[in-house]
Amino acid sequence: MNPKKVILHIEDNPDNRLLVRRLLFSASYQVLEATNAYEAVSRLRHYRPDLILMDINIPIVDGYTLTSKFKTIPGLEDIPIIAITANAMRGDRERSFLAGCDGYVEKPIDIEKLLGKIQEFIG
């Protein structure tokens, strides 16, 4: 039996966390959650997720900055990061990729698109 893939979801909105948690559980993923950069770093001290879902507009340190930081830390640099954002402004997608994100999904979240993007990186 294969162990469940672990996904760290960094999101400050409780409704969005609940939606994604239910979606990922139903798709047989294990979910870790963080509401800000400090919690995310704390989770990463104890766990190595297979993928990170990064809300771009999180408090304290934004998702662009946090992604850039993660991509410089040995052991974290190869974890795929998917940006999730309500920012549909021109250039946001490119800014996500420049920060180091490997994928990009807009809010409101399209369930099939999100699952497809996750499977693209970790199956």
PDB file of N, CA and C in Angstrom:
ATOM      1  N   MET A   1       0.835  -1.189   0.000  1.00  0.00           N
ATOM      2  CA  MET A   1       0.000   0.000   0.000  1.00  0.00           C
ATOM      3  C   MET A   1       0.879   1.252   0.000  1.00  0.00           C
ATOM      4  N   ASN A   2       0.604   2.187  -0.877  1.00  0.00           N
ATOM      5  CA  ASN A   2       1.370   3.423  -0.955  1.00  0.00           C
ATOM      6  C   ASN A   2       0.926   4.391   0.140  1.00  0.00           C
ATOM      7  N   PRO A   3       1.884   5.055   0.797  1.00  0.00           N
ATOM      8  CA  PRO A   3       1.487   6.058   1.785  1.00  0.00           C
ATOM      9  C   PRO A   3       0.827   7.241   1.090  1.00  0.00           C
ATOM     10  N   LYS A   4      -0.050   7.915   1.831  1.00  0.00           N
ATOM     11  CA  LYS A   4      -0.726   9.083   1.275  1.00  0.00           C
ATOM     12  C   LYS A   4       0.284  10.189   1.023  1.00  0.00           C
ATOM     13  N   LYS A   5       0.106  10.889  -0.081  1.00  0.00           N
ATOM     14  CA  LYS A   5       0.926  12.067  -0.363  1.00  0.00           C
ATOM     15  C   LYS A   5       0.486  13.182   0.579  1.00  0.00           C
ATOM     16  N   VAL A   6       1.455  13.976   1.030  1.00  0.00           N
ATOM     17  CA  VAL A   6       1.198  15.036   2.001  1.00  0.00           C
ATOM     18  C   VAL A   6       1.240  16.395   1.297  1.00  0.00           C
ATOM     19  N   ILE A   7       0.202  17.182   1.535  1.00  0.00           N
ATOM     20  CA  ILE A   7       0.118  18.520   0.958  1.00  0.00           C
ATOM     21  C   ILE A   7       0.007  19.536   2.082  1.00  0.00           C
ATOM     22  N   LEU A   8       0.874  20.546   2.053  1.00  0.00           N
ATOM     23  CA  LEU A   8       0.785  21.668   2.987  1.00  0.00           C
ATOM     24  C   LEU A   8      -0.015  22.770   2.304  1.00  0.00           C
ATOM     25  N   HIS A   9      -1.137  23.146   2.914  1.00  0.00           N
ATOM     26  CA  HIS A   9      -1.993  24.205   2.378  1.00  0.00           C
ATOM     27  C   HIS A   9      -1.817  25.445   3.244  1.00  0.00           C
ATOM     28  N   ILE A  10      -1.281  26.505   2.660  1.00  0.00           N
ATOM     29  CA  ILE A  10      -1.046  27.754   3.385  1.00  0.00           C
ATOM     30  C   ILE A  10      -2.118  28.739   2.935  1.00  0.00           C
ATOM     31  N   GLU A  11      -3.068  29.018   3.833  1.00  0.00           N
ATOM     32  CA  GLU A  11      -4.258  29.822   3.504  1.00  0.00           C
ATOM     33  C   GLU A  11      -4.812  30.418   4.780  1.00  0.00           C
ATOM     34  N   ASP A  12      -5.077  31.732   4.789  1.00  0.00           N
ATOM     35  CA  ASP A  12      -5.587  32.369   5.994  1.00  0.00           C
ATOM     36  C   ASP A  12      -7.111  32.362   6.100  1.00  0.00           C
ATOM     37  N   ASN A  13      -7.822  32.122   5.006  1.00  0.00           N
ATOM     38  CA  ASN A  13      -9.280  32.143   5.023  1.00  0.00           C
ATOM     39  C   ASN A  13      -9.824  30.774   5.453  1.00  0.00           C
ATOM     40  N   PRO A  14     -10.560  30.719   6.570  1.00  0.00           N
ATOM     41  CA  PRO A  14     -11.036  29.428   7.072  1.00  0.00           C
ATOM     42  C   PRO A  14     -11.983  28.707   6.107  1.00  0.00           C
ATOM     43  N   ASP A  15     -12.812  29.445   5.387  1.00  0.00           N
ATOM     44  CA  ASP A  15     -13.724  28.806   4.430  1.00  0.00           C
ATOM     45  C   ASP A  15     -12.956  28.155   3.283  1.00  0.00           C
ATOM     46  N   ASN A  16     -11.926  28.836   2.804  1.00  0.00           N
ATOM     47  CA  ASN A  16     -11.096  28.259   1.726  1.00  0.00           C
ATOM     48  C   ASN A  16     -10.323  27.037   2.229  1.00  0.00           C
ATOM     49  N   ARG A  17      -9.826  27.110   3.472  1.00  0.00           N
ATOM     50  CA  ARG A  17      -9.125  25.952   4.039  1.00  0.00           C
ATOM     51  C   ARG A  17     -10.051  24.750   4.130  1.00  0.00           C
ATOM     52  N   LEU A  18     -11.275  24.974   4.587  1.00  0.00           N
ATOM     53  CA  LEU A  18     -12.238  23.882   4.724  1.00  0.00           C
ATOM     54  C   LEU A  18     -12.554  23.262   3.364  1.00  0.00           C
ATOM     55  N   LEU A  19     -12.804  24.088   2.372  1.00  0.00           N
ATOM     56  CA  LEU A  19     -13.106  23.592   1.027  1.00  0.00           C
ATOM     57  C   LEU A  19     -11.969  22.726   0.490  1.00  0.00           C
ATOM     58  N   VAL A  20     -10.752  23.245   0.570  1.00  0.00           N
ATOM     59  CA  VAL A  20      -9.595  22.517   0.043  1.00  0.00           C
ATOM     60  C   VAL A  20      -9.319  21.269   0.873  1.00  0.00           C
ATOM     61  N   ARG A  21      -9.460  21.357   2.195  1.00  0.00           N
ATOM     62  CA  ARG A  21      -9.242  20.181   3.054  1.00  0.00           C
ATOM     63  C   ARG A  21     -10.187  19.050   2.665  1.00  0.00           C
ATOM     64  N   ARG A  22     -11.461  19.357   2.502  1.00  0.00           N
ATOM     65  CA  ARG A  22     -12.430  18.328   2.112  1.00  0.00           C
ATOM     66  C   ARG A  22     -12.109  17.745   0.746  1.00  0.00           C
ATOM     67  N   LEU A  23     -11.743  18.602  -0.168  1.00  0.00           N
ATOM     68  CA  LEU A  23     -11.396  18.154  -1.515  1.00  0.00           C
ATOM     69  C   LEU A  23     -10.191  17.212  -1.484  1.00  0.00           C
ATOM     70  N   LEU A  24      -9.153  17.603  -0.763  1.00  0.00           N
ATOM     71  CA  LEU A  24      -7.932  16.802  -0.719  1.00  0.00           C
ATOM     72  C   LEU A  24      -8.136  15.489   0.042  1.00  0.00           C
ATOM     73  N   PHE A  25      -8.886  15.536   1.137  1.00  0.00           N
ATOM     74  CA  PHE A  25      -9.185  14.296   1.863  1.00  0.00           C
ATOM     75  C   PHE A  25      -9.945  13.326   0.969  1.00  0.00           C
ATOM     76  N   SER A  26     -10.924  13.844   0.218  1.00  0.00           N
ATOM     77  CA  SER A  26     -11.717  12.963  -0.647  1.00  0.00           C
ATOM     78  C   SER A  26     -10.878  12.381  -1.780  1.00  0.00           C
ATOM     79  N   ALA A  27      -9.778  13.056  -2.119  1.00  0.00           N
ATOM     80  CA  ALA A  27      -8.864  12.558  -3.153  1.00  0.00           C
ATOM     81  C   ALA A  27      -7.720  11.744  -2.529  1.00  0.00           C
ATOM     82  N   SER A  28      -7.839  11.421  -1.246  1.00  0.00           N
ATOM     83  CA  SER A  28      -6.881  10.572  -0.508  1.00  0.00           C
ATOM     84  C   SER A  28      -5.508  11.200  -0.283  1.00  0.00           C
ATOM     85  N   TYR A  29      -5.471  12.510  -0.130  1.00  0.00           N
ATOM     86  CA  TYR A  29      -4.232  13.176   0.256  1.00  0.00           C
ATOM     87  C   TYR A  29      -4.270  13.461   1.748  1.00  0.00           C
ATOM     88  N   GLN A  30      -3.092  13.496   2.383  1.00  0.00           N
ATOM     89  CA  GLN A  30      -2.978  13.942   3.770  1.00  0.00           C
ATOM     90  C   GLN A  30      -2.757  15.445   3.726  1.00  0.00           C
ATOM     91  N   VAL A  31      -3.422  16.191   4.605  1.00  0.00           N
ATOM     92  CA  VAL A  31      -3.367  17.646   4.553  1.00  0.00           C
ATOM     93  C   VAL A  31      -2.781  18.225   5.834  1.00  0.00           C
ATOM     94  N   LEU A  32      -1.801  19.105   5.658  1.00  0.00           N
ATOM     95  CA  LEU A  32      -1.284  19.937   6.737  1.00  0.00           C
ATOM     96  C   LEU A  32      -1.739  21.348   6.423  1.00  0.00           C
ATOM     97  N   GLU A  33      -2.009  22.142   7.445  1.00  0.00           N
ATOM     98  CA  GLU A  33      -2.483  23.503   7.196  1.00  0.00           C
ATOM     99  C   GLU A  33      -1.671  24.527   7.977  1.00  0.00           C
ATOM    100  N   ALA A  34      -1.581  25.710   7.382  1.00  0.00           N
ATOM    101  CA  ALA A  34      -0.952  26.861   8.036  1.00  0.00           C
ATOM    102  C   ALA A  34      -1.733  28.097   7.600  1.00  0.00           C
ATOM    103  N   THR A  35      -1.865  29.065   8.504  1.00  0.00           N
ATOM    104  CA  THR A  35      -2.617  30.273   8.173  1.00  0.00           C
ATOM    105  C   THR A  35      -1.718  31.460   7.844  1.00  0.00           C
ATOM    106  N   ASN A  36      -0.412  31.309   8.082  1.00  0.00           N
ATOM    107  CA  ASN A  36       0.524  32.402   7.789  1.00  0.00           C
ATOM    108  C   ASN A  36       1.938  31.816   7.636  1.00  0.00           C
ATOM    109  N   ALA A  37       2.879  32.674   7.354  1.00  0.00           N
ATOM    110  CA  ALA A  37       4.257  32.235   7.109  1.00  0.00           C
ATOM    111  C   ALA A  37       4.878  31.555   8.324  1.00  0.00           C
ATOM    112  N   TYR A  38       4.615  32.091   9.519  1.00  0.00           N
ATOM    113  CA  TYR A  38       5.202  31.497  10.728  1.00  0.00           C
ATOM    114  C   TYR A  38       4.714  30.072  10.943  1.00  0.00           C
ATOM    115  N   GLU A  39       3.417  29.870  10.776  1.00  0.00           N
ATOM    116  CA  GLU A  39       2.873  28.515  10.926  1.00  0.00           C
ATOM    117  C   GLU A  39       3.427  27.588   9.847  1.00  0.00           C
ATOM    118  N   ALA A  40       3.570  28.100   8.639  1.00  0.00           N
ATOM    119  CA  ALA A  40       4.106  27.283   7.537  1.00  0.00           C
ATOM    120  C   ALA A  40       5.527  26.818   7.859  1.00  0.00           C
ATOM    121  N   VAL A  41       6.348  27.725   8.317  1.00  0.00           N
ATOM    122  CA  VAL A  41       7.731  27.377   8.667  1.00  0.00           C
ATOM    123  C   VAL A  41       7.745  26.354   9.802  1.00  0.00           C
ATOM    124  N   SER A  42       6.856  26.530  10.775  1.00  0.00           N
ATOM    125  CA  SER A  42       6.766  25.575  11.885  1.00  0.00           C
ATOM    126  C   SER A  42       6.397  24.177  11.375  1.00  0.00           C
ATOM    127  N   ARG A  43       5.434  24.091  10.471  1.00  0.00           N
ATOM    128  CA  ARG A  43       5.047  22.786   9.913  1.00  0.00           C
ATOM    129  C   ARG A  43       6.233  22.148   9.174  1.00  0.00           C
ATOM    130  N   LEU A  44       6.978  22.980   8.454  1.00  0.00           N
ATOM    131  CA  LEU A  44       8.094  22.456   7.659  1.00  0.00           C
ATOM    132  C   LEU A  44       9.275  22.014   8.519  1.00  0.00           C
ATOM    133  N   ARG A  45       9.310  22.426   9.760  1.00  0.00           N
ATOM    134  CA  ARG A  45      10.348  21.937  10.677  1.00  0.00           C
ATOM    135  C   ARG A  45      10.100  20.481  11.061  1.00  0.00           C
ATOM    136  N   HIS A  46       8.830  20.073  10.980  1.00  0.00           N
ATOM    137  CA  HIS A  46       8.451  18.736  11.428  1.00  0.00           C
ATOM    138  C   HIS A  46       8.036  17.795  10.304  1.00  0.00           C
ATOM    139  N   TYR A  47       7.658  18.346   9.173  1.00  0.00           N
ATOM    140  CA  TYR A  47       7.161  17.534   8.063  1.00  0.00           C
ATOM    141  C   TYR A  47       7.789  17.992   6.753  1.00  0.00           C
ATOM    142  N   ARG A  48       7.898  17.053   5.820  1.00  0.00           N
ATOM    143  CA  ARG A  48       8.317  17.411   4.469  1.00  0.00           C
ATOM    144  C   ARG A  48       7.180  17.031   3.531  1.00  0.00           C
ATOM    145  N   PRO A  49       6.369  18.022   3.142  1.00  0.00           N
ATOM    146  CA  PRO A  49       5.240  17.706   2.268  1.00  0.00           C
ATOM    147  C   PRO A  49       5.709  17.365   0.856  1.00  0.00           C
ATOM    148  N   ASP A  50       4.836  16.698   0.122  1.00  0.00           N
ATOM    149  CA  ASP A  50       5.121  16.379  -1.270  1.00  0.00           C
ATOM    150  C   ASP A  50       4.802  17.565  -2.178  1.00  0.00           C
ATOM    151  N   LEU A  51       3.949  18.474  -1.689  1.00  0.00           N
ATOM    152  CA  LEU A  51       3.531  19.638  -2.473  1.00  0.00           C
ATOM    153  C   LEU A  51       3.033  20.710  -1.520  1.00  0.00           C
ATOM    154  N   ILE A  52       3.152  21.971  -1.938  1.00  0.00           N
ATOM    155  CA  ILE A  52       2.641  23.099  -1.156  1.00  0.00           C
ATOM    156  C   ILE A  52       1.625  23.855  -2.007  1.00  0.00           C
ATOM    157  N   LEU A  53       0.451  24.114  -1.415  1.00  0.00           N
ATOM    158  CA  LEU A  53      -0.537  25.013  -2.022  1.00  0.00           C
ATOM    159  C   LEU A  53      -0.384  26.345  -1.297  1.00  0.00           C
ATOM    160  N   MET A  54       0.001  27.388  -2.043  1.00  0.00           N
ATOM    161  CA  MET A  54       0.373  28.667  -1.447  1.00  0.00           C
ATOM    162  C   MET A  54      -0.618  29.761  -1.829  1.00  0.00           C
ATOM    163  N   ASP A  55      -1.396  30.217  -0.836  1.00  0.00           N
ATOM    164  CA  ASP A  55      -2.212  31.401  -1.062  1.00  0.00           C
ATOM    165  C   ASP A  55      -1.238  32.576  -1.163  1.00  0.00           C
ATOM    166  N   ILE A  56      -1.404  33.390  -2.171  1.00  0.00           N
ATOM    167  CA  ILE A  56      -0.480  34.517  -2.370  1.00  0.00           C
ATOM    168  C   ILE A  56      -0.729  35.638  -1.370  1.00  0.00           C
ATOM    169  N   ASN A  57      -1.977  35.839  -0.972  1.00  0.00           N
ATOM    170  CA  ASN A  57      -2.316  36.952  -0.084  1.00  0.00           C
ATOM    171  C   ASN A  57      -2.485  36.501   1.358  1.00  0.00           C
ATOM    172  N   ILE A  58      -1.412  35.981   1.939  1.00  0.00           N
ATOM    173  CA  ILE A  58      -1.451  35.589   3.345  1.00  0.00           C
ATOM    174  C   ILE A  58      -0.846  36.710   4.194  1.00  0.00           C
ATOM    175  N   PRO A  59      -1.226  36.761   5.484  1.00  0.00           N
ATOM    176  CA  PRO A  59      -0.694  37.825   6.344  1.00  0.00           C
ATOM    177  C   PRO A  59       0.775  37.607   6.727  1.00  0.00           C
ATOM    178  N   ILE A  60       1.378  38.655   7.194  1.00  0.00           N
ATOM    179  CA  ILE A  60       2.748  38.724   7.703  1.00  0.00           C
ATOM    180  C   ILE A  60       3.756  38.754   6.556  1.00  0.00           C
ATOM    181  N   VAL A  61       3.877  37.665   5.814  1.00  0.00           N
ATOM    182  CA  VAL A  61       4.764  37.596   4.652  1.00  0.00           C
ATOM    183  C   VAL A  61       3.928  37.052   3.500  1.00  0.00           C
ATOM    184  N   ASP A  62       3.912  37.756   2.372  1.00  0.00           N
ATOM    185  CA  ASP A  62       3.055  37.296   1.265  1.00  0.00           C
ATOM    186  C   ASP A  62       3.599  36.018   0.625  1.00  0.00           C
ATOM    187  N   GLY A  63       2.741  35.377  -0.143  1.00  0.00           N
ATOM    188  CA  GLY A  63       3.084  34.098  -0.747  1.00  0.00           C
ATOM    189  C   GLY A  63       4.228  34.163  -1.736  1.00  0.00           C
ATOM    190  N   TYR A  64       4.398  35.299  -2.418  1.00  0.00           N
ATOM    191  CA  TYR A  64       5.527  35.439  -3.346  1.00  0.00           C
ATOM    192  C   TYR A  64       6.846  35.362  -2.584  1.00  0.00           C
ATOM    193  N   THR A  65       6.926  36.142  -1.509  1.00  0.00           N
ATOM    194  CA  THR A  65       8.148  36.197  -0.700  1.00  0.00           C
ATOM    195  C   THR A  65       8.429  34.853  -0.044  1.00  0.00           C
ATOM    196  N   LEU A  66       7.379  34.232   0.493  1.00  0.00           N
ATOM    197  CA  LEU A  66       7.554  32.946   1.162  1.00  0.00           C
ATOM    198  C   LEU A  66       8.006  31.872   0.168  1.00  0.00           C
ATOM    199  N   THR A  67       7.429  31.870  -1.021  1.00  0.00           N
ATOM    200  CA  THR A  67       7.844  30.912  -2.047  1.00  0.00           C
ATOM    201  C   THR A  67       9.309  31.108  -2.397  1.00  0.00           C
ATOM    202  N   SER A  68       9.710  32.352  -2.625  1.00  0.00           N
ATOM    203  CA  SER A  68      11.111  32.634  -2.951  1.00  0.00           C
ATOM    204  C   SER A  68      12.041  32.128  -1.860  1.00  0.00           C
ATOM    205  N   LYS A  69      11.643  32.314  -0.619  1.00  0.00           N
ATOM    206  CA  LYS A  69      12.458  31.858   0.512  1.00  0.00           C
ATOM    207  C   LYS A  69      12.552  30.333   0.533  1.00  0.00           C
ATOM    208  N   PHE A  70      11.405  29.658   0.380  1.00  0.00           N
ATOM    209  CA  PHE A  70      11.406  28.190   0.402  1.00  0.00           C
ATOM    210  C   PHE A  70      12.311  27.616  -0.680  1.00  0.00           C
ATOM    211  N   LYS A  71      12.345  28.266  -1.831  1.00  0.00           N
ATOM    212  CA  LYS A  71      13.123  27.739  -2.957  1.00  0.00           C
ATOM    213  C   LYS A  71      14.638  27.887  -2.744  1.00  0.00           C
ATOM    214  N   THR A  72      15.043  28.580  -1.665  1.00  0.00           N
ATOM    215  CA  THR A  72      16.473  28.722  -1.366  1.00  0.00           C
ATOM    216  C   THR A  72      16.927  27.826  -0.215  1.00  0.00           C
ATOM    217  N   ILE A  73      15.989  27.108   0.400  1.00  0.00           N
ATOM    218  CA  ILE A  73      16.311  26.289   1.569  1.00  0.00           C
ATOM    219  C   ILE A  73      16.564  24.847   1.130  1.00  0.00           C
ATOM    220  N   PRO A  74      17.763  24.335   1.397  1.00  0.00           N
ATOM    221  CA  PRO A  74      18.051  22.940   1.038  1.00  0.00           C
ATOM    222  C   PRO A  74      17.007  21.993   1.646  1.00  0.00           C
ATOM    223  N   GLY A  75      16.514  21.087   0.837  1.00  0.00           N
ATOM    224  CA  GLY A  75      15.489  20.152   1.267  1.00  0.00           C
ATOM    225  C   GLY A  75      14.081  20.608   0.962  1.00  0.00           C
ATOM    226  N   LEU A  76      13.922  21.905   0.728  1.00  0.00           N
ATOM    227  CA  LEU A  76      12.610  22.451   0.373  1.00  0.00           C
ATOM    228  C   LEU A  76      12.565  22.903  -1.081  1.00  0.00           C
ATOM    229  N   GLU A  77      13.731  23.159  -1.653  1.00  0.00           N
ATOM    230  CA  GLU A  77      13.787  23.784  -2.971  1.00  0.00           C
ATOM    231  C   GLU A  77      13.145  22.963  -4.079  1.00  0.00           C
ATOM    232  N   ASP A  78      13.025  21.651  -3.872  1.00  0.00           N
ATOM    233  CA  ASP A  78      12.457  20.816  -4.929  1.00  0.00           C
ATOM    234  C   ASP A  78      10.992  20.452  -4.691  1.00  0.00           C
ATOM    235  N   ILE A  79      10.381  20.977  -3.615  1.00  0.00           N
ATOM    236  CA  ILE A  79       8.957  20.719  -3.377  1.00  0.00           C
ATOM    237  C   ILE A  79       8.147  21.601  -4.328  1.00  0.00           C
ATOM    238  N   PRO A  80       7.263  21.012  -5.129  1.00  0.00           N
ATOM    239  CA  PRO A  80       6.434  21.829  -6.026  1.00  0.00           C
ATOM    240  C   PRO A  80       5.516  22.745  -5.219  1.00  0.00           C
ATOM    241  N   ILE A  81       5.390  23.972  -5.684  1.00  0.00           N
ATOM    242  CA  ILE A  81       4.508  24.956  -5.043  1.00  0.00           C
ATOM    243  C   ILE A  81       3.514  25.448  -6.085  1.00  0.00           C
ATOM    244  N   ILE A  82       2.234  25.341  -5.736  1.00  0.00           N
ATOM    245  CA  ILE A  82       1.173  25.846  -6.601  1.00  0.00           C
ATOM    246  C   ILE A  82       0.606  27.098  -5.957  1.00  0.00           C
ATOM    247  N   ALA A  83       0.677  28.212  -6.671  1.00  0.00           N
ATOM    248  CA  ALA A  83       0.107  29.466  -6.194  1.00  0.00           C
ATOM    249  C   ALA A  83      -1.407  29.407  -6.354  1.00  0.00           C
ATOM    250  N   ILE A  84      -2.099  29.855  -5.320  1.00  0.00           N
ATOM    251  CA  ILE A  84      -3.556  29.984  -5.388  1.00  0.00           C
ATOM    252  C   ILE A  84      -3.865  31.428  -5.047  1.00  0.00           C
ATOM    253  N   THR A  85      -4.543  32.115  -5.963  1.00  0.00           N
ATOM    254  CA  THR A  85      -4.768  33.529  -5.729  1.00  0.00           C
ATOM    255  C   THR A  85      -6.072  34.035  -6.332  1.00  0.00           C
ATOM    256  N   ALA A  86      -6.626  35.029  -5.662  1.00  0.00           N
ATOM    257  CA  ALA A  86      -7.802  35.717  -6.177  1.00  0.00           C
ATOM    258  C   ALA A  86      -7.359  36.870  -7.077  1.00  0.00           C
ATOM    259  N   ASN A  87      -6.059  37.139  -7.099  1.00  0.00           N
ATOM    260  CA  ASN A  87      -5.527  38.192  -7.958  1.00  0.00           C
ATOM    261  C   ASN A  87      -5.552  37.717  -9.406  1.00  0.00           C
ATOM    262  N   ALA A  88      -6.430  38.279 -10.165  1.00  0.00           N
ATOM    263  CA  ALA A  88      -6.488  37.902 -11.581  1.00  0.00           C
ATOM    264  C   ALA A  88      -5.950  39.062 -12.424  1.00  0.00           C
ATOM    265  N   MET A  89      -5.102  39.846 -11.814  1.00  0.00           N
ATOM    266  CA  MET A  89      -4.532  40.999 -12.506  1.00  0.00           C
ATOM    267  C   MET A  89      -3.470  40.536 -13.496  1.00  0.00           C
ATOM    268  N   ARG A  90      -3.349  41.299 -14.546  1.00  0.00           N
ATOM    269  CA  ARG A  90      -2.336  41.017 -15.550  1.00  0.00           C
ATOM    270  C   ARG A  90      -0.959  40.993 -14.879  1.00  0.00           C
ATOM    271  N   GLY A  91      -0.208  39.957 -15.121  1.00  0.00           N
ATOM    272  CA  GLY A  91       1.128  39.855 -14.571  1.00  0.00           C
ATOM    273  C   GLY A  91       1.230  39.027 -13.295  1.00  0.00           C
ATOM    274  N   ASP A  92       0.097  38.739 -12.639  1.00  0.00           N
ATOM    275  CA  ASP A  92       0.152  37.965 -11.390  1.00  0.00           C
ATOM    276  C   ASP A  92       0.651  36.547 -11.626  1.00  0.00           C
ATOM    277  N   ARG A  93       0.214  35.939 -12.710  1.00  0.00           N
ATOM    278  CA  ARG A  93       0.663  34.578 -13.035  1.00  0.00           C
ATOM    279  C   ARG A  93       2.182  34.566 -13.227  1.00  0.00           C
ATOM    280  N   GLU A  94       2.672  35.521 -14.003  1.00  0.00           N
ATOM    281  CA  GLU A  94       4.108  35.607 -14.260  1.00  0.00           C
ATOM    282  C   GLU A  94       4.876  35.895 -12.981  1.00  0.00           C
ATOM    283  N   ARG A  95       4.327  36.765 -12.138  1.00  0.00           N
ATOM    284  CA  ARG A  95       4.987  37.088 -10.867  1.00  0.00           C
ATOM    285  C   ARG A  95       5.088  35.843  -9.980  1.00  0.00           C
ATOM    286  N   SER A  96       4.044  35.005 -10.014  1.00  0.00           N
ATOM    287  CA  SER A  96       4.070  33.754  -9.243  1.00  0.00           C
ATOM    288  C   SER A  96       5.199  32.846  -9.713  1.00  0.00           C
ATOM    289  N   PHE A  97       5.328  32.717 -11.034  1.00  0.00           N
ATOM    290  CA  PHE A  97       6.382  31.859 -11.578  1.00  0.00           C
ATOM    291  C   PHE A  97       7.766  32.443 -11.309  1.00  0.00           C
ATOM    292  N   LEU A  98       7.899  33.757 -11.387  1.00  0.00           N
ATOM    293  CA  LEU A  98       9.187  34.391 -11.081  1.00  0.00           C
ATOM    294  C   LEU A  98       9.585  34.183  -9.621  1.00  0.00           C
ATOM    295  N   ALA A  99       8.599  34.111  -8.741  1.00  0.00           N
ATOM    296  CA  ALA A  99       8.875  33.883  -7.318  1.00  0.00           C
ATOM    297  C   ALA A  99       9.315  32.440  -7.060  1.00  0.00           C
ATOM    298  N   GLY A 100       9.018  31.546  -8.014  1.00  0.00           N
ATOM    299  CA  GLY A 100       9.416  30.153  -7.849  1.00  0.00           C
ATOM    300  C   GLY A 100       8.275  29.163  -7.843  1.00  0.00           C
ATOM    301  N   CYS A 101       7.040  29.637  -7.986  1.00  0.00           N
ATOM    302  CA  CYS A 101       5.903  28.719  -8.029  1.00  0.00           C
ATOM    303  C   CYS A 101       5.994  27.851  -9.279  1.00  0.00           C
ATOM    304  N   ASP A 102       5.563  26.618  -9.132  1.00  0.00           N
ATOM    305  CA  ASP A 102       5.596  25.661 -10.238  1.00  0.00           C
ATOM    306  C   ASP A 102       4.266  25.593 -10.972  1.00  0.00           C
ATOM    307  N   GLY A 103       3.210  26.052 -10.331  1.00  0.00           N
ATOM    308  CA  GLY A 103       1.879  26.048 -10.925  1.00  0.00           C
ATOM    309  C   GLY A 103       1.083  27.220 -10.395  1.00  0.00           C
ATOM    310  N   TYR A 104      -0.096  27.428 -10.987  1.00  0.00           N
ATOM    311  CA  TYR A 104      -0.910  28.598 -10.657  1.00  0.00           C
ATOM    312  C   TYR A 104      -2.379  28.241 -10.840  1.00  0.00           C
ATOM    313  N   VAL A 105      -3.199  28.533  -9.822  1.00  0.00           N
ATOM    314  CA  VAL A 105      -4.638  28.305  -9.890  1.00  0.00           C
ATOM    315  C   VAL A 105      -5.330  29.545  -9.339  1.00  0.00           C
ATOM    316  N   GLU A 106      -6.348  30.024 -10.050  1.00  0.00           N
ATOM    317  CA  GLU A 106      -7.085  31.209  -9.616  1.00  0.00           C
ATOM    318  C   GLU A 106      -8.259  30.841  -8.723  1.00  0.00           C
ATOM    319  N   LYS A 107      -8.617  31.786  -7.842  1.00  0.00           N
ATOM    320  CA  LYS A 107      -9.833  31.680  -7.042  1.00  0.00           C
ATOM    321  C   LYS A 107     -10.936  32.421  -7.790  1.00  0.00           C
ATOM    322  N   PRO A 108     -12.166  32.034  -7.683  1.00  0.00           N
ATOM    323  CA  PRO A 108     -12.621  30.871  -6.933  1.00  0.00           C
ATOM    324  C   PRO A 108     -12.043  29.590  -7.528  1.00  0.00           C
ATOM    325  N   ILE A 109     -11.773  28.659  -6.661  1.00  0.00           N
ATOM    326  CA  ILE A 109     -11.079  27.438  -7.065  1.00  0.00           C
ATOM    327  C   ILE A 109     -11.977  26.538  -7.899  1.00  0.00           C
ATOM    328  N   ASP A 110     -11.469  26.177  -9.055  1.00  0.00           N
ATOM    329  CA  ASP A 110     -12.101  25.175  -9.905  1.00  0.00           C
ATOM    330  C   ASP A 110     -11.540  23.834  -9.429  1.00  0.00           C
ATOM    331  N   ILE A 111     -12.409  23.006  -8.852  1.00  0.00           N
ATOM    332  CA  ILE A 111     -11.978  21.751  -8.228  1.00  0.00           C
ATOM    333  C   ILE A 111     -11.220  20.855  -9.192  1.00  0.00           C
ATOM    334  N   GLU A 112     -11.735  20.687 -10.384  1.00  0.00           N
ATOM    335  CA  GLU A 112     -11.082  19.813 -11.367  1.00  0.00           C
ATOM    336  C   GLU A 112      -9.717  20.365 -11.776  1.00  0.00           C
ATOM    337  N   LYS A 113      -9.635  21.676 -11.925  1.00  0.00           N
ATOM    338  CA  LYS A 113      -8.369  22.299 -12.305  1.00  0.00           C
ATOM    339  C   LYS A 113      -7.325  22.130 -11.201  1.00  0.00           C
ATOM    340  N   LEU A 114      -7.748  22.334  -9.948  1.00  0.00           N
ATOM    341  CA  LEU A 114      -6.816  22.186  -8.831  1.00  0.00           C
ATOM    342  C   LEU A 114      -6.324  20.746  -8.723  1.00  0.00           C
ATOM    343  N   LEU A 115      -7.242  19.792  -8.769  1.00  0.00           N
ATOM    344  CA  LEU A 115      -6.833  18.384  -8.689  1.00  0.00           C
ATOM    345  C   LEU A 115      -5.936  18.001  -9.853  1.00  0.00           C
ATOM    346  N   GLY A 116      -6.240  18.507 -11.036  1.00  0.00           N
ATOM    347  CA  GLY A 116      -5.402  18.233 -12.198  1.00  0.00           C
ATOM    348  C   GLY A 116      -3.998  18.772 -12.025  1.00  0.00           C
ATOM    349  N   LYS A 117      -3.894  19.966 -11.483  1.00  0.00           N
ATOM    350  CA  LYS A 117      -2.588  20.580 -11.252  1.00  0.00           C
ATOM    351  C   LYS A 117      -1.804  19.797 -10.207  1.00  0.00           C
ATOM    352  N   ILE A 118      -2.471  19.367  -9.139  1.00  0.00           N
ATOM    353  CA  ILE A 118      -1.805  18.571  -8.106  1.00  0.00           C
ATOM    354  C   ILE A 118      -1.305  17.262  -8.704  1.00  0.00           C
ATOM    355  N   GLN A 119      -2.148  16.590  -9.464  1.00  0.00           N
ATOM    356  CA  GLN A 119      -1.755  15.310 -10.065  1.00  0.00           C
ATOM    357  C   GLN A 119      -0.619  15.481 -11.059  1.00  0.00           C
ATOM    358  N   GLU A 120      -0.569  16.618 -11.705  1.00  0.00           N
ATOM    359  CA  GLU A 120       0.531  16.908 -12.633  1.00  0.00           C
ATOM    360  C   GLU A 120       1.883  16.840 -11.918  1.00  0.00           C
ATOM    361  N   PHE A 121       1.902  17.259 -10.655  1.00  0.00           N
ATOM    362  CA  PHE A 121       3.161  17.311  -9.911  1.00  0.00           C
ATOM    363  C   PHE A 121       3.433  16.094  -9.041  1.00  0.00           C
ATOM    364  N   ILE A 122       2.394  15.539  -8.402  1.00  0.00           N
ATOM    365  CA  ILE A 122       2.665  14.447  -7.452  1.00  0.00           C
ATOM    366  C   ILE A 122       1.787  13.214  -7.639  1.00  0.00           C
ATOM    367  N   GLY A 123       0.882  13.248  -8.587  1.00  0.00           N
ATOM    368  CA  GLY A 123       0.035  12.074  -8.841  1.00  0.00           C
ATOM    369  C   GLY A 123      -1.069  11.905  -7.848  1.00  0.00           C
TER     370      GLY A 123
END
